[in-house]
Amino acid sequence: MRIPAVDAPGRATLAVGNRRWWLKQSLAALSAQLAALGSRLIIRRGQACAEALLQLLRETGAAAVFFNHLFDPISLVRDHDMKQQLTEAGEADVAFLVFNS
């Protein structure tokens, strides 16, 4: 499942056309890779991200949710709130993945 990030005020963004083209190509490639592994890409859109994830967990029987960890203030608050809601619901294990570059 991919949940689009909301552009933060002052954040530089690509032109809408370029951004949509890149997103379409990236999601098509990811979908093909998942299909090759016998899985599928599910895309949901909405404002209540935790509720959408909980619904998806119930529909698919998934046992875990993994996030990539971002460190900007807006993402820290959002991710903390999301993890708390998912943990309280008790539907799945929740973990953050940290990538060092």
C-alpha atoms as a PDB file:
ATOM      1  CA  MET A   1       0.000   0.000   0.000  1.00  0.00           C
ATOM      2  CA  ARG A   2       1.290   3.439  -0.825  1.00  0.00           C
ATOM      3  CA  ILE A   3       0.050   6.438   1.127  1.00  0.00           C
ATOM      4  CA  PRO A   4       0.997   9.688  -0.597  1.00  0.00           C
ATOM      5  CA  ALA A   5       2.835  12.217   1.539  1.00  0.00           C
ATOM      6  CA  VAL A   6       1.312  15.652   1.816  1.00  0.00           C
ATOM      7  CA  ASP A   7       3.617  18.421   0.623  1.00  0.00           C
ATOM      8  CA  ALA A   8       4.843  20.414   3.585  1.00  0.00           C
ATOM      9  CA  PRO A   9       4.734  24.207   3.347  1.00  0.00           C
ATOM     10  CA  GLY A  10       7.945  25.493   1.830  1.00  0.00           C
ATOM     11  CA  ARG A  11       8.993  22.097   0.467  1.00  0.00           C
ATOM     12  CA  ALA A  12      10.253  22.271  -3.093  1.00  0.00           C
ATOM     13  CA  THR A  13       8.209  20.033  -5.397  1.00  0.00           C
ATOM     14  CA  LEU A  14       8.521  18.900  -8.976  1.00  0.00           C
ATOM     15  CA  ALA A  15       6.145  20.205 -11.581  1.00  0.00           C
ATOM     16  CA  VAL A  16       2.854  18.309 -11.326  1.00  0.00           C
ATOM     17  CA  GLY A  17       3.239  16.665 -14.737  1.00  0.00           C
ATOM     18  CA  ASN A  18       6.758  15.421 -14.015  1.00  0.00           C
ATOM     19  CA  ARG A  19       5.774  14.188 -10.594  1.00  0.00           C
ATOM     20  CA  ARG A  20       2.769  12.243 -11.952  1.00  0.00           C
ATOM     21  CA  TRP A  21       4.844  10.733 -14.766  1.00  0.00           C
ATOM     22  CA  TRP A  22       7.531   9.598 -12.321  1.00  0.00           C
ATOM     23  CA  LEU A  23       4.937   8.202  -9.909  1.00  0.00           C
ATOM     24  CA  LYS A  24       3.135   6.305 -12.678  1.00  0.00           C
ATOM     25  CA  GLN A  25       6.374   4.757 -13.961  1.00  0.00           C
ATOM     26  CA  SER A  26       7.589   3.873 -10.458  1.00  0.00           C
ATOM     27  CA  LEU A  27       4.300   2.272  -9.430  1.00  0.00           C
ATOM     28  CA  ALA A  28       4.102   0.304 -12.687  1.00  0.00           C
ATOM     29  CA  ALA A  29       7.622  -1.048 -12.105  1.00  0.00           C
ATOM     30  CA  LEU A  30       6.848  -1.908  -8.481  1.00  0.00           C
ATOM     31  CA  SER A  31       3.603  -3.613  -9.517  1.00  0.00           C
ATOM     32  CA  ALA A  32       5.477  -5.742 -12.075  1.00  0.00           C
ATOM     33  CA  GLN A  33       8.123  -6.716  -9.515  1.00  0.00           C
ATOM     34  CA  LEU A  34       5.494  -7.717  -6.967  1.00  0.00           C
ATOM     35  CA  ALA A  35       3.561  -9.700  -9.602  1.00  0.00           C
ATOM     36  CA  ALA A  36       6.752 -11.606 -10.419  1.00  0.00           C
ATOM     37  CA  LEU A  37       6.884 -12.598  -6.737  1.00  0.00           C
ATOM     38  CA  GLY A  38       3.237 -13.686  -6.719  1.00  0.00           C
ATOM     39  CA  SER A  39       2.001 -10.589  -4.907  1.00  0.00           C
ATOM     40  CA  ARG A  40       0.234  -7.391  -5.912  1.00  0.00           C
ATOM     41  CA  LEU A  41       0.341  -3.652  -5.360  1.00  0.00           C
ATOM     42  CA  ILE A  42      -2.678  -2.174  -3.600  1.00  0.00           C
ATOM     43  CA  ILE A  43      -3.164   1.582  -3.789  1.00  0.00           C
ATOM     44  CA  ARG A  44      -5.568   3.402  -1.504  1.00  0.00           C
ATOM     45  CA  ARG A  45      -6.202   7.093  -1.230  1.00  0.00           C
ATOM     46  CA  GLY A  46      -7.775   8.968   1.638  1.00  0.00           C
ATOM     47  CA  GLN A  47      -7.285  11.181   4.640  1.00  0.00           C
ATOM     48  CA  ALA A  48      -7.618   8.598   7.436  1.00  0.00           C
ATOM     49  CA  CYS A  49      -4.366   6.710   6.825  1.00  0.00           C
ATOM     50  CA  ALA A  50      -4.484   4.566   9.973  1.00  0.00           C
ATOM     51  CA  GLU A  51      -8.050   3.482   9.267  1.00  0.00           C
ATOM     52  CA  ALA A  52      -7.154   2.673   5.643  1.00  0.00           C
ATOM     53  CA  LEU A  53      -4.211   0.566   6.829  1.00  0.00           C
ATOM     54  CA  LEU A  54      -6.337  -1.242   9.403  1.00  0.00           C
ATOM     55  CA  GLN A  55      -8.936  -2.029   6.751  1.00  0.00           C
ATOM     56  CA  LEU A  56      -6.216  -3.287   4.412  1.00  0.00           C
ATOM     57  CA  LEU A  57      -4.727  -5.485   7.163  1.00  0.00           C
ATOM     58  CA  ARG A  58      -8.122  -7.055   7.767  1.00  0.00           C
ATOM     59  CA  GLU A  59      -8.777  -7.604   4.054  1.00  0.00           C
ATOM     60  CA  THR A  60      -5.393  -9.161   3.300  1.00  0.00           C
ATOM     61  CA  GLY A  61      -4.627 -10.941   6.572  1.00  0.00           C
ATOM     62  CA  ALA A  62      -1.249  -9.188   6.788  1.00  0.00           C
ATOM     63  CA  ALA A  63       0.493  -9.643  10.131  1.00  0.00           C
ATOM     64  CA  ALA A  64       2.932  -6.714  10.013  1.00  0.00           C
ATOM     65  CA  VAL A  65       3.347  -3.136   8.813  1.00  0.00           C
ATOM     66  CA  PHE A  66       6.781  -1.705   7.998  1.00  0.00           C
ATOM     67  CA  PHE A  67       7.538   2.004   7.586  1.00  0.00           C
ATOM     68  CA  ASN A  68      10.633   3.729   6.314  1.00  0.00           C
ATOM     69  CA  HIS A  69      11.650   6.153   9.054  1.00  0.00           C
ATOM     70  CA  LEU A  70      11.846   9.848   8.201  1.00  0.00           C
ATOM     71  CA  PHE A  71      13.338  12.392  10.564  1.00  0.00           C
ATOM     72  CA  ASP A  72      11.780  15.719   9.613  1.00  0.00           C
ATOM     73  CA  PRO A  73       9.437  17.129  12.309  1.00  0.00           C
ATOM     74  CA  ILE A  74       6.208  16.664  10.338  1.00  0.00           C
ATOM     75  CA  SER A  75       7.014  13.041   9.477  1.00  0.00           C
ATOM     76  CA  LEU A  76       8.088  12.231  13.034  1.00  0.00           C
ATOM     77  CA  VAL A  77       4.728  13.349  14.422  1.00  0.00           C
ATOM     78  CA  ARG A  78       2.744  11.643  11.649  1.00  0.00           C
ATOM     79  CA  ASP A  79       4.647   8.374  11.976  1.00  0.00           C
ATOM     80  CA  HIS A  80       4.418   8.351  15.776  1.00  0.00           C
ATOM     81  CA  ASP A  81       0.651   8.891  15.612  1.00  0.00           C
ATOM     82  CA  MET A  82       0.247   6.190  12.947  1.00  0.00           C
ATOM     83  CA  LYS A  83       2.293   3.651  14.894  1.00  0.00           C
ATOM     84  CA  GLN A  84       0.356   4.406  18.090  1.00  0.00           C
ATOM     85  CA  GLN A  85      -3.026   3.961  16.378  1.00  0.00           C
ATOM     86  CA  LEU A  86      -2.000   0.702  14.711  1.00  0.00           C
ATOM     87  CA  THR A  87      -0.456  -0.662  17.911  1.00  0.00           C
ATOM     88  CA  GLU A  88      -3.549   0.217  19.967  1.00  0.00           C
ATOM     89  CA  ALA A  89      -5.761  -1.548  17.423  1.00  0.00           C
ATOM     90  CA  GLY A  90      -3.661  -4.685  17.933  1.00  0.00           C
ATOM     91  CA  GLU A  91      -4.151  -5.828  14.350  1.00  0.00           C
ATOM     92  CA  ALA A  92      -0.474  -6.244  13.403  1.00  0.00           C
ATOM     93  CA  ASP A  93       3.127  -5.797  14.446  1.00  0.00           C
ATOM     94  CA  VAL A  94       4.472  -2.370  13.506  1.00  0.00           C
ATOM     95  CA  ALA A  95       8.134  -1.630  12.801  1.00  0.00           C
ATOM     96  CA  PHE A  96      10.200   1.202  11.360  1.00  0.00           C
ATOM     97  CA  LEU A  97      13.004   0.487   8.916  1.00  0.00           C
ATOM     98  CA  VAL A  98      15.965   2.847   9.134  1.00  0.00           C
ATOM     99  CA  PHE A  99      18.250   3.140   6.142  1.00  0.00           C
ATOM    100  CA  ASN A 100      21.651   4.711   6.641  1.00  0.00           C
ATOM    101  CA  SER A 101      23.057   6.342   3.547  1.00  0.00           C
END
